[in-house]
Amino acid sequence: MSGFRQLDETVIYEGWVVTVAQGRFETPDGQVVERDCLRHPGAVSVVPMLGDDVVMVRQYRAAIDEELLEIPAGKRDVLDEPPDVTANRELAEEVGYRAGRLTLLSQFYNSAGFCDELSLVYLGEELEPAPTDLQGVEEQHMSIELVALDTVPGLIARGELRDAKTVIGCLLALRRRGR
């Protein structure tokens, strides 16, 4: 055990996606420190494979004021919904496919220094068409692109793929496919 202990937490702000809190913690030597904590319900993402291509979206992201090329993803915002169900729902909503087979590739914290968001990334195979249900203005203006999985390392090296879940998911998909 680390020896750190949370004493309390005060909510500073509750927003649409996140809650900002300030926590007080006791260190192993008895010192009391305050830390800002961003609370998030968690997220899922899918590397959806159509043959050797990944179905991706190019979507505007307000926090960085630019569009990013990403794998489909979404918040775990339906209470008690299993993450694989959320992943398939988000996949259908965003790009119009359901995966006949979902394989968990990894789980990771996006920014553990200040945020508790846990992300799960799946490999989606055996895709079948499904109705879309675009949520929010960004999704209504995004584009869908097919990207050859084998081109991913080059896209990362050139800075064309910079989204963490996309980099992690696609590299693990490459490895899983023996490349």
N, C-alpha and C. Protein backbone atom coordinates (compact mmCIF):
# COMPACT_ATOMS: atom_id res chain seq x y z
N MET A 1 0.83 -1.19 0.00
CA MET A 1 0.00 0.00 0.00
C MET A 1 0.87 1.25 0.00
N SER A 2 0.40 2.30 -0.62
CA SER A 2 1.22 3.50 -0.81
C SER A 2 1.38 4.34 0.44
N GLY A 3 0.46 4.23 1.37
CA GLY A 3 0.54 5.06 2.56
C GLY A 3 -0.19 6.38 2.44
N PHE A 4 -0.67 6.72 1.25
CA PHE A 4 -1.49 7.92 1.07
C PHE A 4 -2.93 7.59 1.44
N ARG A 5 -3.65 8.60 1.96
CA ARG A 5 -5.04 8.38 2.35
C ARG A 5 -5.84 9.62 2.02
N GLN A 6 -6.97 9.43 1.30
CA GLN A 6 -7.85 10.56 1.01
C GLN A 6 -8.66 10.90 2.25
N LEU A 7 -8.66 12.18 2.61
CA LEU A 7 -9.39 12.64 3.79
C LEU A 7 -10.80 13.11 3.43
N ASP A 8 -10.89 13.89 2.35
CA ASP A 8 -12.20 14.38 1.91
C ASP A 8 -12.09 14.94 0.50
N GLU A 9 -13.23 15.33 -0.02
CA GLU A 9 -13.27 15.89 -1.38
C GLU A 9 -14.43 16.86 -1.45
N THR A 10 -14.19 18.03 -2.04
CA THR A 10 -15.21 19.05 -2.21
C THR A 10 -15.42 19.27 -3.70
N VAL A 11 -16.68 19.16 -4.15
CA VAL A 11 -17.01 19.40 -5.55
C VAL A 11 -16.99 20.91 -5.81
N ILE A 12 -16.22 21.30 -6.81
CA ILE A 12 -16.09 22.70 -7.19
C ILE A 12 -17.04 23.04 -8.34
N TYR A 13 -17.18 22.09 -9.26
CA TYR A 13 -17.98 22.33 -10.46
C TYR A 13 -18.49 21.00 -10.99
N GLU A 14 -19.75 20.96 -11.40
CA GLU A 14 -20.32 19.79 -12.07
C GLU A 14 -20.77 20.21 -13.45
N GLY A 15 -20.18 19.60 -14.46
CA GLY A 15 -20.50 19.94 -15.84
C GLY A 15 -21.18 18.79 -16.55
N TRP A 16 -21.32 18.94 -17.85
CA TRP A 16 -21.99 17.96 -18.69
C TRP A 16 -21.21 16.66 -18.76
N VAL A 17 -19.89 16.75 -18.84
CA VAL A 17 -19.05 15.57 -18.97
C VAL A 17 -18.25 15.28 -17.71
N VAL A 18 -17.76 16.30 -17.05
CA VAL A 18 -16.86 16.09 -15.93
C VAL A 18 -17.31 16.83 -14.69
N THR A 19 -16.76 16.40 -13.56
CA THR A 19 -16.90 17.09 -12.28
C THR A 19 -15.49 17.45 -11.81
N VAL A 20 -15.33 18.68 -11.36
CA VAL A 20 -14.06 19.13 -10.83
C VAL A 20 -14.18 19.14 -9.32
N ALA A 21 -13.23 18.51 -8.66
CA ALA A 21 -13.25 18.44 -7.20
C ALA A 21 -11.87 18.79 -6.66
N GLN A 22 -11.86 19.20 -5.41
CA GLN A 22 -10.59 19.42 -4.72
C GLN A 22 -10.56 18.44 -3.55
N GLY A 23 -9.54 17.61 -3.54
CA GLY A 23 -9.41 16.62 -2.49
C GLY A 23 -8.29 16.96 -1.54
N ARG A 24 -8.45 16.49 -0.31
CA ARG A 24 -7.38 16.61 0.68
C ARG A 24 -6.89 15.21 0.97
N PHE A 25 -5.56 15.07 1.01
CA PHE A 25 -4.92 13.76 1.17
C PHE A 25 -3.85 13.84 2.24
N GLU A 26 -3.72 12.75 2.99
CA GLU A 26 -2.65 12.64 3.96
C GLU A 26 -1.53 11.81 3.34
N THR A 27 -0.31 12.32 3.41
CA THR A 27 0.85 11.63 2.85
C THR A 27 1.36 10.60 3.85
N PRO A 28 2.24 9.70 3.43
CA PRO A 28 2.78 8.70 4.36
C PRO A 28 3.48 9.29 5.59
N ASP A 29 4.01 10.52 5.46
CA ASP A 29 4.69 11.13 6.61
C ASP A 29 3.77 12.07 7.40
N GLY A 30 2.45 12.04 7.10
CA GLY A 30 1.48 12.79 7.88
C GLY A 30 1.16 14.18 7.37
N GLN A 31 1.79 14.63 6.33
CA GLN A 31 1.50 15.94 5.74
C GLN A 31 0.15 15.88 5.05
N VAL A 32 -0.61 16.99 5.09
CA VAL A 32 -1.89 17.08 4.39
C VAL A 32 -1.69 17.96 3.16
N VAL A 33 -2.08 17.43 1.98
CA VAL A 33 -1.93 18.17 0.72
C VAL A 33 -3.28 18.22 0.01
N GLU A 34 -3.45 19.23 -0.83
CA GLU A 34 -4.66 19.36 -1.64
C GLU A 34 -4.31 19.06 -3.08
N ARG A 35 -5.23 18.40 -3.76
CA ARG A 35 -5.04 18.08 -5.18
C ARG A 35 -6.35 18.30 -5.92
N ASP A 36 -6.25 18.87 -7.13
CA ASP A 36 -7.42 19.00 -8.00
C ASP A 36 -7.65 17.66 -8.67
N CYS A 37 -8.91 17.24 -8.72
CA CYS A 37 -9.26 15.96 -9.32
C CYS A 37 -10.41 16.15 -10.30
N LEU A 38 -10.21 15.71 -11.51
CA LEU A 38 -11.25 15.75 -12.51
C LEU A 38 -11.92 14.38 -12.53
N ARG A 39 -13.22 14.34 -12.30
CA ARG A 39 -13.98 13.08 -12.26
C ARG A 39 -14.70 12.89 -13.58
N HIS A 40 -14.59 11.70 -14.14
CA HIS A 40 -15.15 11.38 -15.47
C HIS A 40 -15.75 9.98 -15.40
N PRO A 41 -16.88 9.73 -16.09
CA PRO A 41 -17.52 8.41 -15.99
C PRO A 41 -16.77 7.29 -16.68
N GLY A 42 -15.72 7.60 -17.41
CA GLY A 42 -14.99 6.59 -18.16
C GLY A 42 -15.42 6.60 -19.62
N ALA A 43 -14.65 5.91 -20.44
CA ALA A 43 -14.91 5.93 -21.87
C ALA A 43 -14.57 4.58 -22.50
N VAL A 44 -15.15 4.37 -23.67
CA VAL A 44 -14.84 3.19 -24.48
C VAL A 44 -14.49 3.66 -25.88
N SER A 45 -13.71 2.86 -26.57
CA SER A 45 -13.40 3.14 -27.96
C SER A 45 -13.24 1.80 -28.68
N VAL A 46 -13.35 1.86 -30.01
CA VAL A 46 -13.29 0.65 -30.83
C VAL A 46 -12.39 0.91 -32.03
N VAL A 47 -11.50 -0.05 -32.31
CA VAL A 47 -10.75 -0.07 -33.56
C VAL A 47 -11.57 -0.96 -34.50
N PRO A 48 -12.47 -0.35 -35.29
CA PRO A 48 -13.35 -1.14 -36.15
C PRO A 48 -12.66 -1.51 -37.46
N MET A 49 -12.53 -2.80 -37.72
CA MET A 49 -11.80 -3.26 -38.89
C MET A 49 -12.74 -3.70 -40.01
N LEU A 50 -12.55 -3.10 -41.16
CA LEU A 50 -13.19 -3.54 -42.41
C LEU A 50 -12.06 -4.08 -43.28
N GLY A 51 -11.87 -5.37 -43.27
CA GLY A 51 -10.71 -5.95 -43.95
C GLY A 51 -9.45 -5.49 -43.26
N ASP A 52 -8.57 -4.81 -44.00
CA ASP A 52 -7.33 -4.28 -43.43
C ASP A 52 -7.42 -2.79 -43.12
N ASP A 53 -8.62 -2.24 -43.22
CA ASP A 53 -8.82 -0.81 -42.96
C ASP A 53 -9.51 -0.58 -41.63
N VAL A 54 -9.14 0.52 -40.98
CA VAL A 54 -9.79 0.97 -39.75
C VAL A 54 -10.80 2.05 -40.13
N VAL A 55 -12.02 1.93 -39.62
CA VAL A 55 -13.03 2.96 -39.82
C VAL A 55 -12.80 4.03 -38.76
N MET A 56 -12.43 5.24 -39.19
CA MET A 56 -12.14 6.33 -38.27
C MET A 56 -13.05 7.52 -38.53
N VAL A 57 -13.06 8.43 -37.59
CA VAL A 57 -13.80 9.68 -37.75
C VAL A 57 -12.82 10.84 -37.65
N ARG A 58 -13.12 11.89 -38.39
CA ARG A 58 -12.37 13.15 -38.26
C ARG A 58 -13.36 14.11 -37.61
N GLN A 59 -13.03 14.51 -36.38
CA GLN A 59 -14.00 15.23 -35.56
C GLN A 59 -13.37 16.45 -34.90
N TYR A 60 -14.13 17.54 -34.83
CA TYR A 60 -13.67 18.76 -34.16
C TYR A 60 -13.64 18.52 -32.66
N ARG A 61 -12.56 18.97 -32.01
CA ARG A 61 -12.41 18.88 -30.57
C ARG A 61 -12.18 20.28 -30.01
N ALA A 62 -13.17 20.79 -29.28
CA ALA A 62 -13.15 22.17 -28.80
C ALA A 62 -11.96 22.46 -27.88
N ALA A 63 -11.57 21.52 -27.03
CA ALA A 63 -10.50 21.77 -26.07
C ALA A 63 -9.18 22.12 -26.75
N ILE A 64 -8.96 21.62 -27.96
CA ILE A 64 -7.72 21.93 -28.68
C ILE A 64 -7.99 22.76 -29.93
N ASP A 65 -9.26 23.06 -30.20
CA ASP A 65 -9.69 23.89 -31.33
C ASP A 65 -9.16 23.39 -32.67
N GLU A 66 -9.30 22.08 -32.88
CA GLU A 66 -8.95 21.50 -34.17
C GLU A 66 -9.63 20.15 -34.35
N GLU A 67 -9.56 19.66 -35.56
CA GLU A 67 -10.11 18.34 -35.86
C GLU A 67 -9.03 17.29 -35.65
N LEU A 68 -9.45 16.13 -35.14
CA LEU A 68 -8.55 15.00 -34.95
C LEU A 68 -9.10 13.79 -35.68
N LEU A 69 -8.19 12.97 -36.20
CA LEU A 69 -8.54 11.68 -36.77
C LEU A 69 -8.51 10.68 -35.63
N GLU A 70 -9.65 10.01 -35.39
CA GLU A 70 -9.81 9.16 -34.22
C GLU A 70 -10.59 7.90 -34.54
N ILE A 71 -10.44 6.91 -33.67
CA ILE A 71 -11.34 5.76 -33.71
C ILE A 71 -12.63 6.16 -33.00
N PRO A 72 -13.75 5.51 -33.33
CA PRO A 72 -15.01 5.84 -32.66
C PRO A 72 -14.92 5.59 -31.15
N ALA A 73 -15.57 6.47 -30.39
CA ALA A 73 -15.48 6.39 -28.93
C ALA A 73 -16.65 7.11 -28.29
N GLY A 74 -16.80 6.88 -27.00
CA GLY A 74 -17.84 7.59 -26.27
C GLY A 74 -17.73 7.38 -24.78
N LYS A 75 -18.47 8.20 -24.05
CA LYS A 75 -18.49 8.13 -22.59
C LYS A 75 -19.30 6.93 -22.11
N ARG A 76 -18.95 6.45 -20.94
CA ARG A 76 -19.73 5.41 -20.27
C ARG A 76 -20.79 6.13 -19.43
N ASP A 77 -21.79 6.65 -20.12
CA ASP A 77 -22.77 7.51 -19.47
C ASP A 77 -24.13 6.85 -19.24
N VAL A 78 -24.25 5.54 -19.52
CA VAL A 78 -25.48 4.81 -19.23
C VAL A 78 -25.21 3.93 -18.01
N LEU A 79 -25.89 4.23 -16.92
CA LEU A 79 -25.66 3.54 -15.65
C LEU A 79 -25.76 2.03 -15.80
N ASP A 80 -24.76 1.32 -15.31
CA ASP A 80 -24.71 -0.15 -15.27
C ASP A 80 -24.67 -0.83 -16.65
N GLU A 81 -24.45 -0.07 -17.72
CA GLU A 81 -24.32 -0.68 -19.04
C GLU A 81 -22.93 -1.30 -19.14
N PRO A 82 -22.83 -2.58 -19.50
CA PRO A 82 -21.50 -3.20 -19.65
C PRO A 82 -20.68 -2.45 -20.70
N PRO A 83 -19.37 -2.32 -20.49
CA PRO A 83 -18.55 -1.53 -21.41
C PRO A 83 -18.56 -2.04 -22.84
N ASP A 84 -18.65 -3.36 -23.06
CA ASP A 84 -18.68 -3.85 -24.44
C ASP A 84 -19.98 -3.47 -25.13
N VAL A 85 -21.07 -3.39 -24.38
CA VAL A 85 -22.36 -2.94 -24.94
C VAL A 85 -22.26 -1.46 -25.30
N THR A 86 -21.65 -0.67 -24.41
CA THR A 86 -21.45 0.75 -24.69
C THR A 86 -20.60 0.93 -25.94
N ALA A 87 -19.54 0.13 -26.06
CA ALA A 87 -18.64 0.24 -27.21
C ALA A 87 -19.39 -0.04 -28.51
N ASN A 88 -20.20 -1.09 -28.54
CA ASN A 88 -20.94 -1.41 -29.75
C ASN A 88 -22.01 -0.36 -30.05
N ARG A 89 -22.62 0.19 -29.00
CA ARG A 89 -23.62 1.25 -29.19
C ARG A 89 -22.96 2.49 -29.79
N GLU A 90 -21.83 2.89 -29.23
CA GLU A 90 -21.11 4.06 -29.74
C GLU A 90 -20.64 3.84 -31.18
N LEU A 91 -20.17 2.64 -31.48
CA LEU A 91 -19.73 2.31 -32.83
C LEU A 91 -20.87 2.50 -33.82
N ALA A 92 -22.04 1.98 -33.48
CA ALA A 92 -23.21 2.12 -34.36
C ALA A 92 -23.61 3.58 -34.49
N GLU A 93 -23.70 4.28 -33.36
CA GLU A 93 -24.14 5.67 -33.39
C GLU A 93 -23.25 6.52 -34.28
N GLU A 94 -21.94 6.33 -34.18
CA GLU A 94 -21.00 7.21 -34.88
C GLU A 94 -20.73 6.83 -36.33
N VAL A 95 -20.52 5.54 -36.60
CA VAL A 95 -20.10 5.17 -37.96
C VAL A 95 -21.01 4.18 -38.66
N GLY A 96 -22.10 3.77 -38.02
CA GLY A 96 -23.08 2.92 -38.69
C GLY A 96 -22.69 1.46 -38.81
N TYR A 97 -21.92 0.95 -37.85
CA TYR A 97 -21.57 -0.48 -37.82
C TYR A 97 -21.73 -1.02 -36.41
N ARG A 98 -22.02 -2.30 -36.33
CA ARG A 98 -21.95 -3.07 -35.08
C ARG A 98 -20.90 -4.15 -35.31
N ALA A 99 -20.17 -4.45 -34.25
CA ALA A 99 -19.14 -5.49 -34.34
C ALA A 99 -19.74 -6.83 -33.92
N GLY A 100 -19.59 -7.84 -34.79
CA GLY A 100 -19.99 -9.19 -34.42
C GLY A 100 -19.08 -9.77 -33.37
N ARG A 101 -17.83 -9.25 -33.34
CA ARG A 101 -16.86 -9.71 -32.33
C ARG A 101 -16.10 -8.50 -31.79
N LEU A 102 -16.16 -8.32 -30.48
CA LEU A 102 -15.40 -7.28 -29.80
C LEU A 102 -14.38 -7.95 -28.88
N THR A 103 -13.13 -7.53 -28.98
CA THR A 103 -12.07 -8.07 -28.14
C THR A 103 -11.43 -6.92 -27.38
N LEU A 104 -11.40 -7.01 -26.06
CA LEU A 104 -10.76 -5.97 -25.27
C LEU A 104 -9.25 -6.00 -25.52
N LEU A 105 -8.71 -4.87 -25.96
CA LEU A 105 -7.28 -4.75 -26.21
C LEU A 105 -6.52 -4.22 -24.99
N SER A 106 -7.11 -3.24 -24.31
CA SER A 106 -6.43 -2.64 -23.17
C SER A 106 -7.37 -1.73 -22.40
N GLN A 107 -6.94 -1.41 -21.19
CA GLN A 107 -7.55 -0.37 -20.36
C GLN A 107 -6.44 0.57 -19.95
N PHE A 108 -6.73 1.87 -19.90
CA PHE A 108 -5.70 2.82 -19.52
C PHE A 108 -6.33 4.10 -18.96
N TYR A 109 -5.56 4.77 -18.09
CA TYR A 109 -5.95 6.09 -17.60
C TYR A 109 -5.35 7.12 -18.55
N ASN A 110 -6.18 8.06 -18.97
CA ASN A 110 -5.73 9.07 -19.94
C ASN A 110 -4.74 10.07 -19.34
N SER A 111 -5.03 10.55 -18.16
CA SER A 111 -4.19 11.57 -17.50
C SER A 111 -4.29 11.38 -16.00
N ALA A 112 -3.68 10.33 -15.48
CA ALA A 112 -3.84 9.94 -14.07
C ALA A 112 -3.33 10.98 -13.08
N GLY A 113 -2.56 11.95 -13.54
CA GLY A 113 -2.07 12.99 -12.64
C GLY A 113 -3.17 13.89 -12.11
N PHE A 114 -4.32 13.94 -12.81
CA PHE A 114 -5.40 14.80 -12.33
C PHE A 114 -6.80 14.29 -12.67
N CYS A 115 -6.91 13.19 -13.43
CA CYS A 115 -8.23 12.74 -13.90
C CYS A 115 -8.38 11.24 -13.69
N ASP A 116 -9.60 10.82 -13.28
CA ASP A 116 -9.85 9.39 -13.03
C ASP A 116 -10.47 8.67 -14.23
N GLU A 117 -10.48 9.29 -15.40
CA GLU A 117 -11.09 8.66 -16.58
C GLU A 117 -10.35 7.37 -16.95
N LEU A 118 -11.07 6.26 -16.88
CA LEU A 118 -10.54 4.97 -17.31
C LEU A 118 -11.12 4.67 -18.69
N SER A 119 -10.25 4.41 -19.65
CA SER A 119 -10.67 4.13 -21.02
C SER A 119 -10.42 2.67 -21.35
N LEU A 120 -11.38 2.06 -22.01
CA LEU A 120 -11.25 0.70 -22.50
C LEU A 120 -11.27 0.76 -24.02
N VAL A 121 -10.32 0.09 -24.66
CA VAL A 121 -10.26 0.08 -26.12
C VAL A 121 -10.43 -1.35 -26.61
N TYR A 122 -11.31 -1.51 -27.59
CA TYR A 122 -11.66 -2.82 -28.15
C TYR A 122 -11.25 -2.90 -29.61
N LEU A 123 -11.01 -4.12 -30.06
CA LEU A 123 -10.88 -4.42 -31.48
C LEU A 123 -12.26 -4.87 -31.94
N GLY A 124 -12.79 -4.22 -32.96
CA GLY A 124 -14.10 -4.57 -33.49
C GLY A 124 -13.95 -5.26 -34.84
N GLU A 125 -14.44 -6.51 -34.93
CA GLU A 125 -14.35 -7.27 -36.17
C GLU A 125 -15.72 -7.80 -36.54
N GLU A 126 -15.82 -8.36 -37.73
CA GLU A 126 -17.09 -8.88 -38.25
C GLU A 126 -18.15 -7.78 -38.21
N LEU A 127 -17.82 -6.64 -38.82
CA LEU A 127 -18.72 -5.48 -38.80
C LEU A 127 -19.94 -5.71 -39.68
N GLU A 128 -21.08 -5.28 -39.17
CA GLU A 128 -22.34 -5.32 -39.91
C GLU A 128 -22.97 -3.94 -39.87
N PRO A 129 -23.63 -3.52 -40.95
CA PRO A 129 -24.27 -2.19 -40.96
C PRO A 129 -25.30 -2.06 -39.85
N ALA A 130 -25.39 -0.85 -39.31
CA ALA A 130 -26.35 -0.52 -38.26
C ALA A 130 -26.74 0.95 -38.44
N PRO A 131 -27.90 1.34 -37.94
CA PRO A 131 -28.30 2.75 -38.06
C PRO A 131 -27.42 3.66 -37.20
N THR A 132 -27.11 4.82 -37.73
CA THR A 132 -26.36 5.81 -36.96
C THR A 132 -27.33 6.63 -36.10
N ASP A 133 -26.79 7.28 -35.11
CA ASP A 133 -27.55 8.18 -34.24
C ASP A 133 -26.58 9.22 -33.73
N LEU A 134 -26.23 10.16 -34.60
CA LEU A 134 -25.20 11.15 -34.28
C LEU A 134 -25.64 12.02 -33.11
N GLN A 135 -24.79 12.10 -32.10
CA GLN A 135 -25.08 12.84 -30.88
C GLN A 135 -24.25 14.12 -30.87
N GLY A 136 -24.89 15.24 -30.79
CA GLY A 136 -24.17 16.51 -30.65
C GLY A 136 -23.71 17.09 -31.97
N VAL A 137 -23.41 18.36 -31.93
CA VAL A 137 -23.06 19.11 -33.14
C VAL A 137 -21.74 18.64 -33.75
N GLU A 138 -20.77 18.25 -32.92
CA GLU A 138 -19.49 17.79 -33.47
C GLU A 138 -19.67 16.53 -34.30
N GLU A 139 -20.44 15.58 -33.79
CA GLU A 139 -20.67 14.34 -34.54
C GLU A 139 -21.46 14.60 -35.82
N GLN A 140 -22.36 15.57 -35.78
CA GLN A 140 -23.15 15.88 -36.97
C GLN A 140 -22.31 16.48 -38.08
N HIS A 141 -21.13 16.96 -37.74
CA HIS A 141 -20.24 17.58 -38.73
C HIS A 141 -18.95 16.79 -38.96
N MET A 142 -18.83 15.61 -38.39
CA MET A 142 -17.60 14.83 -38.58
C MET A 142 -17.67 14.05 -39.89
N SER A 143 -16.52 13.60 -40.33
CA SER A 143 -16.47 12.76 -41.53
C SER A 143 -15.94 11.39 -41.13
N ILE A 144 -16.28 10.39 -41.93
CA ILE A 144 -15.82 9.02 -41.71
C ILE A 144 -14.75 8.73 -42.75
N GLU A 145 -13.64 8.13 -42.30
CA GLU A 145 -12.53 7.83 -43.19
C GLU A 145 -12.05 6.41 -42.96
N LEU A 146 -11.68 5.73 -44.03
CA LEU A 146 -11.04 4.42 -43.94
C LEU A 146 -9.53 4.64 -43.99
N VAL A 147 -8.83 4.05 -43.03
CA VAL A 147 -7.38 4.20 -42.94
C VAL A 147 -6.78 2.80 -42.91
N ALA A 148 -5.85 2.53 -43.81
CA ALA A 148 -5.18 1.23 -43.82
C ALA A 148 -4.40 1.05 -42.51
N LEU A 149 -4.66 -0.05 -41.81
CA LEU A 149 -4.03 -0.30 -40.52
C LEU A 149 -2.50 -0.26 -40.63
N ASP A 150 -1.95 -0.76 -41.71
CA ASP A 150 -0.50 -0.79 -41.88
C ASP A 150 0.12 0.60 -42.00
N THR A 151 -0.69 1.63 -42.29
CA THR A 151 -0.14 2.99 -42.41
C THR A 151 -0.08 3.71 -41.07
N VAL A 152 -0.65 3.11 -40.02
CA VAL A 152 -0.74 3.77 -38.72
C VAL A 152 0.62 4.20 -38.16
N PRO A 153 1.66 3.35 -38.14
CA PRO A 153 2.95 3.83 -37.59
C PRO A 153 3.47 5.08 -38.30
N GLY A 154 3.33 5.15 -39.59
CA GLY A 154 3.76 6.34 -40.33
C GLY A 154 2.93 7.56 -39.98
N LEU A 155 1.61 7.37 -39.84
CA LEU A 155 0.74 8.49 -39.46
C LEU A 155 1.11 9.02 -38.08
N ILE A 156 1.44 8.12 -37.17
CA ILE A 156 1.86 8.53 -35.83
C ILE A 156 3.19 9.29 -35.92
N ALA A 157 4.15 8.74 -36.64
CA ALA A 157 5.47 9.36 -36.75
C ALA A 157 5.40 10.76 -37.36
N ARG A 158 4.46 10.96 -38.30
CA ARG A 158 4.31 12.27 -38.95
C ARG A 158 3.40 13.22 -38.16
N GLY A 159 2.87 12.78 -37.04
CA GLY A 159 2.01 13.63 -36.23
C GLY A 159 0.60 13.76 -36.76
N GLU A 160 0.20 12.86 -37.66
CA GLU A 160 -1.15 12.91 -38.22
C GLU A 160 -2.15 12.16 -37.36
N LEU A 161 -1.68 11.24 -36.52
CA LEU A 161 -2.51 10.57 -35.50
C LEU A 161 -1.93 10.96 -34.16
N ARG A 162 -2.70 11.78 -33.39
CA ARG A 162 -2.21 12.28 -32.10
C ARG A 162 -3.16 12.00 -30.95
N ASP A 163 -4.26 11.34 -31.24
CA ASP A 163 -5.23 11.02 -30.21
C ASP A 163 -4.79 9.75 -29.48
N ALA A 164 -4.68 9.81 -28.15
CA ALA A 164 -4.10 8.70 -27.38
C ALA A 164 -4.85 7.39 -27.57
N LYS A 165 -6.17 7.40 -27.49
CA LYS A 165 -6.90 6.13 -27.62
C LYS A 165 -6.72 5.53 -29.00
N THR A 166 -6.58 6.38 -30.01
CA THR A 166 -6.39 5.91 -31.38
C THR A 166 -5.00 5.31 -31.55
N VAL A 167 -3.99 6.00 -31.04
CA VAL A 167 -2.62 5.49 -31.12
C VAL A 167 -2.52 4.15 -30.39
N ILE A 168 -3.01 4.10 -29.15
CA ILE A 168 -2.93 2.87 -28.36
C ILE A 168 -3.71 1.75 -29.03
N GLY A 169 -4.96 2.03 -29.40
CA GLY A 169 -5.80 1.00 -29.99
C GLY A 169 -5.26 0.46 -31.30
N CYS A 170 -4.83 1.35 -32.18
CA CYS A 170 -4.34 0.90 -33.48
C CYS A 170 -3.03 0.13 -33.38
N LEU A 171 -2.12 0.58 -32.52
CA LEU A 171 -0.88 -0.17 -32.34
C LEU A 171 -1.13 -1.56 -31.76
N LEU A 172 -2.06 -1.66 -30.83
CA LEU A 172 -2.40 -2.98 -30.28
C LEU A 172 -3.11 -3.85 -31.31
N ALA A 173 -3.92 -3.23 -32.16
CA ALA A 173 -4.58 -3.99 -33.24
C ALA A 173 -3.54 -4.52 -34.22
N LEU A 174 -2.54 -3.71 -34.55
CA LEU A 174 -1.45 -4.16 -35.42
C LEU A 174 -0.75 -5.37 -34.80
N ARG A 175 -0.45 -5.27 -33.53
CA ARG A 175 0.24 -6.35 -32.84
C ARG A 175 -0.62 -7.62 -32.81
N ARG A 176 -1.90 -7.44 -32.50
CA ARG A 176 -2.81 -8.59 -32.43
C ARG A 176 -2.90 -9.29 -33.78
N ARG A 177 -2.79 -8.52 -34.85
CA ARG A 177 -2.85 -9.09 -36.20
C ARG A 177 -1.47 -9.56 -36.68
N GLY A 178 -0.51 -9.56 -35.79
CA GLY A 178 0.82 -10.08 -36.12
C GLY A 178 1.67 -9.21 -37.01
N ARG A 179 1.46 -7.92 -36.94
CA ARG A 179 2.23 -6.99 -37.80
C ARG A 179 3.13 -6.10 -36.97
